[in-house]
Amino acid sequence: MLIFFSPAGIQALKKNFPDFEQREIA
């Protein structure tokens, strides 16, 4: 599970893991 508190956190996720696939990750 990943918990975010700002849109910048989502942008950082995409930057760090451009091929991120959520699958079963909450």
PDB file of all heavy atoms in Angstrom:
ATOM      1  N   MET A   1       0.834  -1.198   0.000  1.00  0.00           N
ATOM      2  CA  MET A   1       0.000   0.000   0.000  1.00  0.00           C
ATOM      3  C   MET A   1       0.868   1.247   0.000  1.00  0.00           C
ATOM      4  O   MET A   1       1.906   1.297   0.672  1.00  0.00           O
ATOM      5  CB  MET A   1      -0.925   0.002   1.226  1.00  0.00           C
ATOM      6  CG  MET A   1      -1.930   1.142   1.242  1.00  0.00           C
ATOM      7  SD  MET A   1      -3.152   0.950   2.571  1.00  0.00           S
ATOM      8  CE  MET A   1      -4.341   2.195   2.063  1.00  0.00           C
ATOM      9  N   LEU A   2       0.427   2.262  -0.763  1.00  0.00           N
ATOM     10  CA  LEU A   2       1.118   3.553  -0.828  1.00  0.00           C
ATOM     11  C   LEU A   2       0.134   4.641  -0.401  1.00  0.00           C
ATOM     12  O   LEU A   2      -1.014   4.647  -0.849  1.00  0.00           O
ATOM     13  CB  LEU A   2       1.601   3.856  -2.254  1.00  0.00           C
ATOM     14  CG  LEU A   2       2.392   2.760  -2.982  1.00  0.00           C
ATOM     15  CD1 LEU A   2       2.668   3.181  -4.423  1.00  0.00           C
ATOM     16  CD2 LEU A   2       3.696   2.466  -2.257  1.00  0.00           C
ATOM     17  N   ILE A   3       0.585   5.550   0.458  1.00  0.00           N
ATOM     18  CA  ILE A   3      -0.288   6.624   0.926  1.00  0.00           C
ATOM     19  C   ILE A   3       0.332   7.972   0.564  1.00  0.00           C
ATOM     20  O   ILE A   3       1.481   8.251   0.905  1.00  0.00           O
ATOM     21  CB  ILE A   3      -0.519   6.524   2.448  1.00  0.00           C
ATOM     22  CG1 ILE A   3      -1.256   5.217   2.765  1.00  0.00           C
ATOM     23  CG2 ILE A   3      -1.326   7.716   2.950  1.00  0.00           C
ATOM     24  CD1 ILE A   3      -1.516   4.997   4.230  1.00  0.00           C
ATOM     25  N   PHE A   4      -0.471   8.801  -0.115  1.00  0.00           N
ATOM     26  CA  PHE A   4       0.012  10.091  -0.609  1.00  0.00           C
ATOM     27  C   PHE A   4      -0.765  11.252   0.019  1.00  0.00           C
ATOM     28  O   PHE A   4      -1.938  11.123   0.340  1.00  0.00           O
ATOM     29  CB  PHE A   4      -0.130  10.155  -2.135  1.00  0.00           C
ATOM     30  CG  PHE A   4       0.730   9.162  -2.861  1.00  0.00           C
ATOM     31  CD1 PHE A   4       0.221   7.937  -3.265  1.00  0.00           C
ATOM     32  CD2 PHE A   4       2.061   9.451  -3.128  1.00  0.00           C
ATOM     33  CE1 PHE A   4       1.012   7.022  -3.921  1.00  0.00           C
ATOM     34  CE2 PHE A   4       2.866   8.541  -3.789  1.00  0.00           C
ATOM     35  CZ  PHE A   4       2.341   7.317  -4.187  1.00  0.00           C
ATOM     36  N   PHE A   5      -0.071  12.395   0.123  1.00  0.00           N
ATOM     37  CA  PHE A   5      -0.662  13.571   0.760  1.00  0.00           C
ATOM     38  C   PHE A   5      -0.633  14.804  -0.136  1.00  0.00           C
ATOM     39  O   PHE A   5      -1.091  15.874   0.271  1.00  0.00           O
ATOM     40  CB  PHE A   5       0.062  13.871   2.076  1.00  0.00           C
ATOM     41  CG  PHE A   5      -0.083  12.770   3.096  1.00  0.00           C
ATOM     42  CD1 PHE A   5       0.770  11.685   3.090  1.00  0.00           C
ATOM     43  CD2 PHE A   5      -1.104  12.809   4.040  1.00  0.00           C
ATOM     44  CE1 PHE A   5       0.627  10.649   4.007  1.00  0.00           C
ATOM     45  CE2 PHE A   5      -1.255  11.783   4.968  1.00  0.00           C
ATOM     46  CZ  PHE A   5      -0.397  10.706   4.949  1.00  0.00           C
ATOM     47  N   SER A   6      -0.095  14.680  -1.344  1.00  0.00           N
ATOM     48  CA  SER A   6      -0.071  15.819  -2.259  1.00  0.00           C
ATOM     49  C   SER A   6       0.061  15.323  -3.693  1.00  0.00           C
ATOM     50  O   SER A   6       0.599  14.233  -3.941  1.00  0.00           O
ATOM     51  CB  SER A   6       1.110  16.750  -1.944  1.00  0.00           C
ATOM     52  OG  SER A   6       2.325  16.145  -2.354  1.00  0.00           O
ATOM     53  N   PRO A   7      -0.415  16.114  -4.666  1.00  0.00           N
ATOM     54  CA  PRO A   7      -0.230  15.750  -6.072  1.00  0.00           C
ATOM     55  C   PRO A   7       1.243  15.582  -6.443  1.00  0.00           C
ATOM     56  O   PRO A   7       1.587  14.776  -7.308  1.00  0.00           O
ATOM     57  CB  PRO A   7      -0.860  16.933  -6.819  1.00  0.00           C
ATOM     58  CG  PRO A   7      -1.879  17.473  -5.870  1.00  0.00           C
ATOM     59  CD  PRO A   7      -1.259  17.321  -4.507  1.00  0.00           C
ATOM     60  N   ALA A   8       2.122  16.351  -5.773  1.00  0.00           N
ATOM     61  CA  ALA A   8       3.561  16.243  -6.069  1.00  0.00           C
ATOM     62  C   ALA A   8       4.080  14.835  -5.773  1.00  0.00           C
ATOM     63  O   ALA A   8       5.012  14.353  -6.423  1.00  0.00           O
ATOM     64  CB  ALA A   8       4.340  17.275  -5.257  1.00  0.00           C
ATOM     65  N   GLY A   9       3.481  14.177  -4.777  1.00  0.00           N
ATOM     66  CA  GLY A   9       3.880  12.813  -4.458  1.00  0.00           C
ATOM     67  C   GLY A   9       3.555  11.854  -5.592  1.00  0.00           C
ATOM     68  O   GLY A   9       4.346  10.947  -5.903  1.00  0.00           O
ATOM     69  N   ILE A  10       2.410  12.042  -6.235  1.00  0.00           N
ATOM     70  CA  ILE A  10       2.023  11.208  -7.378  1.00  0.00           C
ATOM     71  C   ILE A  10       2.981  11.448  -8.544  1.00  0.00           C
ATOM     72  O   ILE A  10       3.418  10.511  -9.218  1.00  0.00           O
ATOM     73  CB  ILE A  10       0.574  11.523  -7.815  1.00  0.00           C
ATOM     74  CG1 ILE A  10      -0.389  11.406  -6.624  1.00  0.00           C
ATOM     75  CG2 ILE A  10       0.144  10.602  -8.950  1.00  0.00           C
ATOM     76  CD1 ILE A  10      -0.450  10.042  -5.994  1.00  0.00           C
ATOM     77  N   GLN A  11       3.327  12.715  -8.766  1.00  0.00           N
ATOM     78  CA  GLN A  11       4.281  13.044  -9.838  1.00  0.00           C
ATOM     79  C   GLN A  11       5.631  12.383  -9.578  1.00  0.00           C
ATOM     80  O   GLN A  11       6.284  11.877 -10.505  1.00  0.00           O
ATOM     81  CB  GLN A  11       4.442  14.567  -9.935  1.00  0.00           C
ATOM     82  CG  GLN A  11       3.182  15.292 -10.384  1.00  0.00           C
ATOM     83  CD  GLN A  11       3.262  16.799 -10.165  1.00  0.00           C
ATOM     84  OE1 GLN A  11       4.327  17.341  -9.867  1.00  0.00           O
ATOM     85  NE2 GLN A  11       2.124  17.475 -10.289  1.00  0.00           N
ATOM     86  N   ALA A  12       6.047  12.377  -8.295  1.00  0.00           N
ATOM     87  CA  ALA A  12       7.332  11.761  -7.950  1.00  0.00           C
ATOM     88  C   ALA A  12       7.299  10.248  -8.152  1.00  0.00           C
ATOM     89  O   ALA A  12       8.294   9.648  -8.561  1.00  0.00           O
ATOM     90  CB  ALA A  12       7.694  12.088  -6.503  1.00  0.00           C
ATOM     91  N   LEU A  13       6.148   9.625  -7.865  1.00  0.00           N
ATOM     92  CA  LEU A  13       6.007   8.188  -8.110  1.00  0.00           C
ATOM     93  C   LEU A  13       6.215   7.883  -9.591  1.00  0.00           C
ATOM     94  O   LEU A  13       6.961   6.962  -9.954  1.00  0.00           O
ATOM     95  CB  LEU A  13       4.615   7.718  -7.671  1.00  0.00           C
ATOM     96  CG  LEU A  13       4.232   6.273  -8.034  1.00  0.00           C
ATOM     97  CD1 LEU A  13       5.051   5.273  -7.230  1.00  0.00           C
ATOM     98  CD2 LEU A  13       2.740   6.033  -7.826  1.00  0.00           C
ATOM     99  N   LYS A  14       5.576   8.658 -10.440  1.00  0.00           N
ATOM    100  CA  LYS A  14       5.696   8.464 -11.881  1.00  0.00           C
ATOM    101  C   LYS A  14       7.123   8.731 -12.379  1.00  0.00           C
ATOM    102  O   LYS A  14       7.606   8.075 -13.294  1.00  0.00           O
ATOM    103  CB  LYS A  14       4.702   9.388 -12.611  1.00  0.00           C
ATOM    104  CG  LYS A  14       3.245   8.981 -12.447  1.00  0.00           C
ATOM    105  CD  LYS A  14       2.958   7.702 -13.224  1.00  0.00           C
ATOM    106  CE  LYS A  14       1.474   7.408 -13.309  1.00  0.00           C
ATOM    107  NZ  LYS A  14       1.209   6.181 -14.104  1.00  0.00           N
ATOM    108  N   LYS A  15       7.770   9.720 -11.766  1.00  0.00           N
ATOM    109  CA  LYS A  15       9.144  10.044 -12.166  1.00  0.00           C
ATOM    110  C   LYS A  15      10.106   8.924 -11.787  1.00  0.00           C
ATOM    111  O   LYS A  15      10.980   8.527 -12.565  1.00  0.00           O
ATOM    112  CB  LYS A  15       9.587  11.352 -11.500  1.00  0.00           C
ATOM    113  CG  LYS A  15      11.034  11.762 -11.792  1.00  0.00           C
ATOM    114  CD  LYS A  15      11.365  13.085 -11.125  1.00  0.00           C
ATOM    115  CE  LYS A  15      12.803  13.522 -11.416  1.00  0.00           C
ATOM    116  NZ  LYS A  15      13.818  12.702 -10.731  1.00  0.00           N
ATOM    117  N   ASN A  16       9.943   8.399 -10.556  1.00  0.00           N
ATOM    118  CA  ASN A  16      10.828   7.347 -10.077  1.00  0.00           C
ATOM    119  C   ASN A  16      10.562   6.004 -10.743  1.00  0.00           C
ATOM    120  O   ASN A  16      11.482   5.216 -10.965  1.00  0.00           O
ATOM    121  CB  ASN A  16      10.687   7.199  -8.557  1.00  0.00           C
ATOM    122  CG  ASN A  16      11.513   8.216  -7.788  1.00  0.00           C
ATOM    123  OD1 ASN A  16      12.684   7.995  -7.515  1.00  0.00           O
ATOM    124  ND2 ASN A  16      10.903   9.339  -7.447  1.00  0.00           N
ATOM    125  N   PHE A  17       9.280   5.755 -11.025  1.00  0.00           N
ATOM    126  CA  PHE A  17       8.896   4.463 -11.589  1.00  0.00           C
ATOM    127  C   PHE A  17       7.992   4.687 -12.803  1.00  0.00           C
ATOM    128  O   PHE A  17       6.775   4.510 -12.726  1.00  0.00           O
ATOM    129  CB  PHE A  17       8.176   3.614 -10.526  1.00  0.00           C
ATOM    130  CG  PHE A  17       8.949   3.462  -9.247  1.00  0.00           C
ATOM    131  CD1 PHE A  17       8.627   4.219  -8.131  1.00  0.00           C
ATOM    132  CD2 PHE A  17      10.030   2.582  -9.155  1.00  0.00           C
ATOM    133  CE1 PHE A  17       9.347   4.098  -6.951  1.00  0.00           C
ATOM    134  CE2 PHE A  17      10.753   2.458  -7.982  1.00  0.00           C
ATOM    135  CZ  PHE A  17      10.414   3.211  -6.883  1.00  0.00           C
ATOM    136  N   PRO A  18       8.594   5.095 -13.941  1.00  0.00           N
ATOM    137  CA  PRO A  18       7.786   5.418 -15.128  1.00  0.00           C
ATOM    138  C   PRO A  18       6.963   4.228 -15.636  1.00  0.00           C
ATOM    139  O   PRO A  18       5.947   4.422 -16.303  1.00  0.00           O
ATOM    140  CB  PRO A  18       8.829   5.866 -16.161  1.00  0.00           C
ATOM    141  CG  PRO A  18      10.146   5.395 -15.635  1.00  0.00           C
ATOM    142  CD  PRO A  18      10.027   5.344 -14.161  1.00  0.00           C
ATOM    143  N   ASP A  19       7.409   3.008 -15.328  1.00  0.00           N
ATOM    144  CA  ASP A  19       6.673   1.816 -15.768  1.00  0.00           C
ATOM    145  C   ASP A  19       5.840   1.211 -14.646  1.00  0.00           C
ATOM    146  O   ASP A  19       5.489   0.025 -14.677  1.00  0.00           O
ATOM    147  CB  ASP A  19       7.655   0.762 -16.304  1.00  0.00           C
ATOM    148  CG  ASP A  19       8.468   1.280 -17.491  1.00  0.00           C
ATOM    149  OD1 ASP A  19       7.882   1.986 -18.334  1.00  0.00           O
ATOM    150  OD2 ASP A  19       9.678   0.997 -17.555  1.00  0.00           O
ATOM    151  N   PHE A  20       5.524   2.023 -13.646  1.00  0.00           N
ATOM    152  CA  PHE A  20       4.789   1.524 -12.480  1.00  0.00           C
ATOM    153  C   PHE A  20       3.455   0.896 -12.877  1.00  0.00           C
ATOM    154  O   PHE A  20       2.668   1.483 -13.609  1.00  0.00           O
ATOM    155  CB  PHE A  20       4.535   2.673 -11.505  1.00  0.00           C
ATOM    156  CG  PHE A  20       3.691   2.290 -10.309  1.00  0.00           C
ATOM    157  CD1 PHE A  20       4.233   1.561  -9.261  1.00  0.00           C
ATOM    158  CD2 PHE A  20       2.346   2.655 -10.245  1.00  0.00           C
ATOM    159  CE1 PHE A  20       3.456   1.210  -8.157  1.00  0.00           C
ATOM    160  CE2 PHE A  20       1.559   2.311  -9.139  1.00  0.00           C
ATOM    161  CZ  PHE A  20       2.126   1.582  -8.102  1.00  0.00           C
ATOM    162  N   GLU A  21       3.231  -0.322 -12.406  1.00  0.00           N
ATOM    163  CA  GLU A  21       1.955  -1.002 -12.602  1.00  0.00           C
ATOM    164  C   GLU A  21       1.355  -1.270 -11.226  1.00  0.00           C
ATOM    165  O   GLU A  21       1.973  -1.924 -10.389  1.00  0.00           O
ATOM    166  CB  GLU A  21       2.161  -2.308 -13.373  1.00  0.00           C
ATOM    167  CG  GLU A  21       2.599  -2.095 -14.813  1.00  0.00           C
ATOM    168  CD  GLU A  21       2.697  -3.404 -15.588  1.00  0.00           C
ATOM    169  OE1 GLU A  21       2.127  -4.411 -15.123  1.00  0.00           O
ATOM    170  OE2 GLU A  21       3.336  -3.414 -16.648  1.00  0.00           O
ATOM    171  N   GLN A  22       0.158  -0.794 -11.009  1.00  0.00           N
ATOM    172  CA  GLN A  22      -0.438  -0.859  -9.680  1.00  0.00           C
ATOM    173  C   GLN A  22      -0.815  -2.280  -9.258  1.00  0.00           C
ATOM    174  O   GLN A  22      -0.531  -2.702  -8.138  1.00  0.00           O
ATOM    175  CB  GLN A  22      -1.675   0.040  -9.615  1.00  0.00           C
ATOM    176  CG  GLN A  22      -2.286   0.106  -8.220  1.00  0.00           C
ATOM    177  CD  GLN A  22      -3.414   1.111  -8.129  1.00  0.00           C
ATOM    178  OE1 GLN A  22      -3.728   1.809  -9.096  1.00  0.00           O
ATOM    179  NE2 GLN A  22      -4.030   1.203  -6.969  1.00  0.00           N
ATOM    180  N   ARG A  23      -1.476  -2.993 -10.133  1.00  0.00           N
ATOM    181  CA  ARG A  23      -1.927  -4.356  -9.845  1.00  0.00           C
ATOM    182  C   ARG A  23      -2.628  -4.440  -8.481  1.00  0.00           C
ATOM    183  O   ARG A  23      -3.636  -3.802  -8.260  1.00  0.00           O
ATOM    184  CB  ARG A  23      -0.751  -5.331  -9.953  1.00  0.00           C
ATOM    185  CG  ARG A  23      -0.211  -5.420 -11.378  1.00  0.00           C
ATOM    186  CD  ARG A  23       0.999  -6.302 -11.503  1.00  0.00           C
ATOM    187  NE  ARG A  23       1.480  -6.347 -12.872  1.00  0.00           N
ATOM    188  CZ  ARG A  23       2.662  -6.792 -13.231  1.00  0.00           C
ATOM    189  NH1 ARG A  23       3.510  -7.243 -12.312  1.00  0.00           N
ATOM    190  NH2 ARG A  23       3.013  -6.796 -14.501  1.00  0.00           N
ATOM    191  N   GLU A  24      -2.058  -5.200  -7.543  1.00  0.00           N
ATOM    192  CA  GLU A  24      -2.710  -5.400  -6.246  1.00  0.00           C
ATOM    193  C   GLU A  24      -2.268  -4.381  -5.185  1.00  0.00           C
ATOM    194  O   GLU A  24      -2.666  -4.486  -4.024  1.00  0.00           O
ATOM    195  CB  GLU A  24      -2.431  -6.820  -5.726  1.00  0.00           C
ATOM    196  CG  GLU A  24      -3.080  -7.912  -6.546  1.00  0.00           C
ATOM    197  CD  GLU A  24      -4.603  -7.725  -6.641  1.00  0.00           C
ATOM    198  OE1 GLU A  24      -5.238  -7.608  -5.578  1.00  0.00           O
ATOM    199  OE2 GLU A  24      -5.120  -7.699  -7.763  1.00  0.00           O
ATOM    200  N   ILE A  25      -1.431  -3.416  -5.576  1.00  0.00           N
ATOM    201  CA  ILE A  25      -0.978  -2.406  -4.614  1.00  0.00           C
ATOM    202  C   ILE A  25      -2.114  -1.425  -4.339  1.00  0.00           C
ATOM    203  O   ILE A  25      -2.666  -0.822  -5.265  1.00  0.00           O
ATOM    204  CB  ILE A  25       0.252  -1.643  -5.134  1.00  0.00           C
ATOM    205  CG1 ILE A  25       1.424  -2.601  -5.363  1.00  0.00           C
ATOM    206  CG2 ILE A  25       0.656  -0.536  -4.159  1.00  0.00           C
ATOM    207  CD1 ILE A  25       2.620  -1.955  -6.032  1.00  0.00           C
ATOM    208  N   ALA A  26      -2.487  -1.281  -3.080  1.00  0.00           N
ATOM    209  CA  ALA A  26      -3.537  -0.329  -2.709  1.00  0.00           C
ATOM    210  C   ALA A  26      -2.946   1.082  -2.648  1.00  0.00           C
ATOM    211  O   ALA A  26      -1.785   1.267  -2.265  1.00  0.00           O
ATOM    212  CB  ALA A  26      -4.140  -0.703  -1.358  1.00  0.00           C
TER     213      ALA A  26
END
